[in-house]
């Protein structure tokens, strides 16, 4: 009887340990989910790396997406976990950018900005817009050509690394730029509004093909603009 009791005790103990090991991760997951902490994800690229050629080359696209963008996503989520950042949405995250560490702010911007960037471009895009986005551009800038002129100026005059943007600010379209990985949704940004278009003017976005000729990169980028996406974001 003593042997049987010991055997039963060992067996039961092993079951308890196994059950605990299985439940513990679930408990941790539930606690984390209950906190509602937002995490950034990397969108699937909507096209092949080579799909934007000849305007953006395949090697630049692959490095940009798999190294730079993936790195921003990894780093911001590491910062969220390490710093116990509890904002539950992108909107709240950026509305409190001034309270974030440099790592959290810079990498969150890099993660979101690139998700946005891939979606506002498409193969065989560009040309002049039509419909409501055309009306909004003409109403805000006078003409599509004037819009292109002002947008190009914003991209070209951003010193160093950053982004140029077309935003909707309470029904009025505006053009401006932000440094580094900042964006117009951040409370620290001078340019405020909902992004409709954005161009990455960091050198890693164009240097393999265009070297220091940012002007050529910006001119070619207009051939990729996804006006349908911009119109959708205009609402």
Protein backbone atom coordinates (compact mmCIF):
# COMPACT_ATOMS: atom_id res chain seq x y z
CA UNK A 1 0.00 0.00 0.00
CA UNK A 2 2.84 2.34 0.85
CA UNK A 3 4.40 1.82 -2.59
CA UNK A 4 1.09 2.49 -4.34
CA UNK A 5 0.55 5.67 -2.30
CA UNK A 6 3.97 7.00 -3.20
CA UNK A 7 3.41 6.19 -6.83
CA UNK A 8 0.07 7.97 -6.79
CA UNK A 9 1.63 10.96 -5.06
CA UNK A 10 4.38 11.26 -7.68
CA UNK A 11 1.90 10.84 -10.54
CA UNK A 12 -0.49 13.40 -9.11
CA UNK A 13 2.35 15.84 -8.48
CA UNK A 14 3.55 15.55 -12.06
CA UNK A 15 0.03 16.25 -13.28
CA UNK A 16 -0.16 19.38 -11.15
CA UNK A 17 3.23 20.62 -12.42
CA UNK A 18 2.22 19.97 -16.03
CA UNK A 19 -1.12 21.71 -15.57
CA UNK A 20 0.56 24.68 -13.94
CA UNK A 21 3.07 24.94 -16.76
CA UNK A 22 0.24 24.98 -19.28
CA UNK A 23 -1.91 27.46 -17.39
CA UNK A 24 0.85 29.91 -16.47
CA UNK A 25 1.41 31.21 -20.01
CA UNK A 26 -2.33 31.53 -20.48
CA UNK A 27 -2.62 33.49 -17.27
CA UNK A 28 0.21 35.81 -18.34
CA UNK A 29 -1.42 36.31 -21.72
CA UNK A 30 -4.75 37.13 -20.09
CA UNK A 31 -3.14 39.66 -17.77
CA UNK A 32 -1.32 41.27 -20.70
CA UNK A 33 -4.47 41.35 -22.84
CA UNK A 34 -6.45 42.80 -19.97
CA UNK A 35 -3.98 45.67 -19.78
CA UNK A 36 -4.92 46.55 -23.37
CA UNK A 37 -1.40 47.51 -24.36
CA UNK A 38 -1.17 48.33 -28.04
CA UNK A 39 1.56 46.72 -30.13
CA UNK A 40 2.70 47.71 -33.60
CA UNK A 41 2.65 45.27 -36.49
CA UNK A 42 4.23 45.33 -39.93
CA UNK A 43 1.70 45.27 -42.75
CA UNK A 44 2.22 42.78 -45.54
CA UNK A 45 3.78 44.54 -48.50
CA UNK A 46 0.92 45.03 -51.02
CA UNK A 47 3.15 44.20 -54.00
CA UNK A 48 6.44 42.50 -54.93
CA UNK A 49 9.75 44.20 -54.17
CA UNK A 50 10.25 44.78 -57.91
CA UNK A 51 6.72 46.04 -58.55
CA UNK A 52 7.58 49.73 -58.20
CA UNK A 53 10.43 49.64 -60.72
CA UNK A 54 11.79 51.60 -62.49
CA UNK A 55 10.93 54.33 -59.98
CA UNK A 56 12.04 52.43 -56.84
CA UNK A 57 14.35 49.47 -57.35
CA UNK A 58 13.76 45.99 -55.93
CA UNK A 59 16.88 45.92 -53.76
CA UNK A 60 15.97 49.20 -52.07
CA UNK A 61 12.45 47.93 -51.44
CA UNK A 62 13.65 44.65 -49.94
CA UNK A 63 16.19 46.28 -47.64
CA UNK A 64 13.77 49.05 -46.69
CA UNK A 65 10.99 46.62 -45.81
CA UNK A 66 12.88 43.68 -44.25
CA UNK A 67 15.60 45.62 -42.41
CA UNK A 68 14.58 49.21 -41.69
CA UNK A 69 10.83 48.79 -41.29
CA UNK A 70 11.05 45.43 -39.51
CA UNK A 71 13.61 46.94 -37.16
CA UNK A 72 11.33 49.80 -36.18
CA UNK A 73 8.49 47.38 -35.38
CA UNK A 74 10.73 45.13 -33.31
CA UNK A 75 12.28 48.03 -31.39
CA UNK A 76 9.04 49.85 -30.56
CA UNK A 77 7.42 46.68 -29.24
CA UNK A 78 10.51 46.02 -27.12
CA UNK A 79 10.19 49.55 -25.74
CA UNK A 80 6.48 49.06 -25.02
CA UNK A 81 7.25 45.94 -23.00
CA UNK A 82 10.33 47.30 -21.20
CA UNK A 83 8.78 50.66 -20.36
CA UNK A 84 5.30 49.24 -19.63
CA UNK A 85 3.63 51.64 -22.06
CA UNK A 86 -0.11 51.08 -21.79
CA UNK A 87 -1.69 53.19 -24.55
CA UNK A 88 -4.31 51.09 -26.28
CA UNK A 89 -4.44 52.67 -29.75
CA UNK A 90 -2.10 54.27 -32.27
CA UNK A 91 -4.01 57.53 -31.84
CA UNK A 92 -3.40 57.58 -28.08
CA UNK A 93 0.21 56.52 -28.59
CA UNK A 94 0.97 59.45 -30.89
CA UNK A 95 -1.15 61.92 -28.92
CA UNK A 96 1.25 61.29 -26.04
CA UNK A 97 4.48 61.22 -28.07
CA UNK A 98 5.95 63.99 -25.92
CA UNK A 99 5.83 61.64 -22.91
CA UNK A 100 7.61 58.76 -24.64
CA UNK A 101 11.27 57.82 -24.54
CA UNK A 102 13.29 58.52 -27.67
CA UNK A 103 13.32 54.80 -28.44
CA UNK A 104 9.55 54.46 -28.19
CA UNK A 105 8.80 57.68 -30.08
CA UNK A 106 11.28 57.23 -32.92
CA UNK A 107 10.52 53.57 -33.53
CA UNK A 108 6.75 53.97 -33.25
CA UNK A 109 6.93 56.65 -35.91
CA UNK A 110 9.13 54.45 -38.07
CA UNK A 111 6.71 51.53 -37.73
CA UNK A 112 3.56 53.52 -38.55
CA UNK A 113 5.06 55.79 -41.20
CA UNK A 114 6.32 52.86 -43.25
CA UNK A 115 3.04 50.93 -43.00
CA UNK A 116 1.44 54.08 -44.39
CA UNK A 117 4.13 54.61 -47.04
CA UNK A 118 3.69 51.18 -48.64
CA UNK A 119 -0.06 51.71 -48.93
CA UNK A 120 -0.02 55.16 -50.53
CA UNK A 121 2.07 53.82 -53.41
CA UNK A 122 1.12 51.28 -56.06
CA UNK A 123 2.43 49.94 -59.36
CA UNK A 124 1.24 52.02 -62.31
CA UNK A 125 0.02 54.73 -60.00
CA UNK A 126 0.47 58.46 -60.30
CA UNK A 127 -1.09 60.78 -62.79
CA UNK A 128 -3.59 63.45 -61.82
CA UNK A 129 -6.21 62.55 -59.21
CA UNK A 130 -9.94 62.66 -59.86
CA UNK A 131 -13.12 62.94 -57.84
CA UNK A 132 -13.20 64.24 -54.29
CA UNK A 133 -9.42 64.14 -53.74
CA UNK A 134 -8.92 66.24 -56.89
CA UNK A 135 -11.56 68.69 -55.71
CA UNK A 136 -9.92 68.95 -52.29
CA UNK A 137 -6.48 69.53 -53.81
CA UNK A 138 -7.73 72.14 -56.25
CA UNK A 139 -9.67 73.86 -53.48
CA UNK A 140 -6.67 73.97 -51.15
CA UNK A 141 -3.80 74.67 -53.58
CA UNK A 142 -5.43 76.12 -56.69
CA UNK A 143 -4.37 73.34 -59.05
CA UNK A 144 -2.75 69.91 -59.15
CA UNK A 145 0.46 71.41 -60.56
CA UNK A 146 0.62 73.87 -57.66
CA UNK A 147 0.12 70.98 -55.24
CA UNK A 148 3.02 69.07 -56.85
CA UNK A 149 5.21 72.16 -56.63
CA UNK A 150 4.51 72.70 -52.93
CA UNK A 151 4.81 69.01 -52.05
CA UNK A 152 8.14 68.75 -53.88
CA UNK A 153 9.37 71.84 -52.05
CA UNK A 154 8.44 70.30 -48.68
CA UNK A 155 10.32 67.10 -49.57
CA UNK A 156 13.37 68.92 -50.88
CA UNK A 157 13.71 71.45 -48.07
CA UNK A 158 13.45 68.88 -45.23
CA UNK A 159 17.05 69.05 -44.00
CA UNK A 160 18.56 65.65 -43.29
CA UNK A 161 16.20 62.75 -42.68
CA UNK A 162 12.43 62.98 -42.48
CA UNK A 163 9.11 62.92 -44.31
CA UNK A 164 6.94 65.22 -46.42
CA UNK A 165 3.18 64.97 -45.98
CA UNK A 166 -0.20 65.91 -47.38
CA UNK A 167 -2.64 66.07 -44.48
CA UNK A 168 -6.30 66.80 -43.89
CA UNK A 169 -6.63 69.32 -41.06
CA UNK A 170 -10.33 69.65 -40.31
CA UNK A 171 -11.31 69.75 -43.97
CA UNK A 172 -8.38 71.86 -45.13
CA UNK A 173 -5.51 70.14 -46.95
CA UNK A 174 -2.02 71.15 -45.89
CA UNK A 175 1.51 70.27 -46.94
CA UNK A 176 4.50 70.13 -44.63
CA UNK A 177 7.30 67.95 -43.34
CA UNK A 178 8.53 66.34 -40.15
CA UNK A 179 12.03 65.39 -39.00
CA UNK A 180 13.31 61.85 -38.49
CA UNK A 181 10.36 59.47 -37.91
CA UNK A 182 7.92 62.05 -36.52
CA UNK A 183 4.47 62.28 -38.12
CA UNK A 184 1.57 64.76 -38.10
CA UNK A 185 -0.41 62.74 -35.54
CA UNK A 186 2.22 63.29 -32.84
CA UNK A 187 1.56 65.97 -30.26
CA UNK A 188 5.11 67.27 -30.80
CA UNK A 189 4.61 67.91 -34.53
CA UNK A 190 4.20 71.44 -35.85
CA UNK A 191 2.26 69.99 -38.79
CA UNK A 192 -1.01 68.53 -37.57
CA UNK A 193 -3.64 66.52 -39.40
CA UNK A 194 -4.65 63.16 -40.81
CA UNK A 195 -2.03 61.95 -43.31
CA UNK A 196 -3.29 61.39 -46.86
CA UNK A 197 0.09 61.04 -48.57
CA UNK A 198 3.65 60.82 -47.33
CA UNK A 199 7.07 60.41 -48.87
CA UNK A 200 10.08 59.04 -47.03
CA UNK A 201 13.10 61.27 -47.70
CA UNK A 202 15.58 59.36 -45.57
CA UNK A 203 18.56 58.49 -47.76
CA UNK A 204 17.95 54.76 -47.28
CA UNK A 205 14.71 55.21 -49.24
CA UNK A 206 16.48 56.22 -52.44
CA UNK A 207 20.28 56.21 -52.22
CA UNK A 208 20.99 52.91 -54.02
CA UNK A 209 19.28 54.16 -57.18
CA UNK A 210 19.48 57.93 -56.98
CA UNK A 211 22.54 58.50 -54.75
CA UNK A 212 22.33 62.14 -53.58
CA UNK A 213 19.75 63.17 -56.20
CA UNK A 214 16.72 63.49 -53.96
CA UNK A 215 15.03 65.67 -56.57
CA UNK A 216 14.99 62.77 -59.06
CA UNK A 217 13.62 60.37 -56.46
CA UNK A 218 10.79 62.79 -55.56
CA UNK A 219 9.94 63.38 -59.22
CA UNK A 220 9.77 59.63 -59.89
CA UNK A 221 7.73 59.03 -56.72
CA UNK A 222 4.79 60.93 -58.22
CA UNK A 223 4.46 58.08 -60.72
CA UNK A 224 3.60 55.74 -57.84
CA UNK A 225 1.00 57.71 -55.90
CA UNK A 226 -2.03 55.64 -54.95
CA UNK A 227 -4.78 58.25 -55.31
CA UNK A 228 -7.48 55.72 -54.42
CA UNK A 229 -5.86 55.22 -51.01
CA UNK A 230 -5.53 58.97 -50.48
CA UNK A 231 -9.21 59.44 -51.35
CA UNK A 232 -10.20 56.68 -48.94
CA UNK A 233 -8.27 58.34 -46.14
CA UNK A 234 -9.85 61.69 -46.98
CA UNK A 235 -13.21 60.10 -46.15
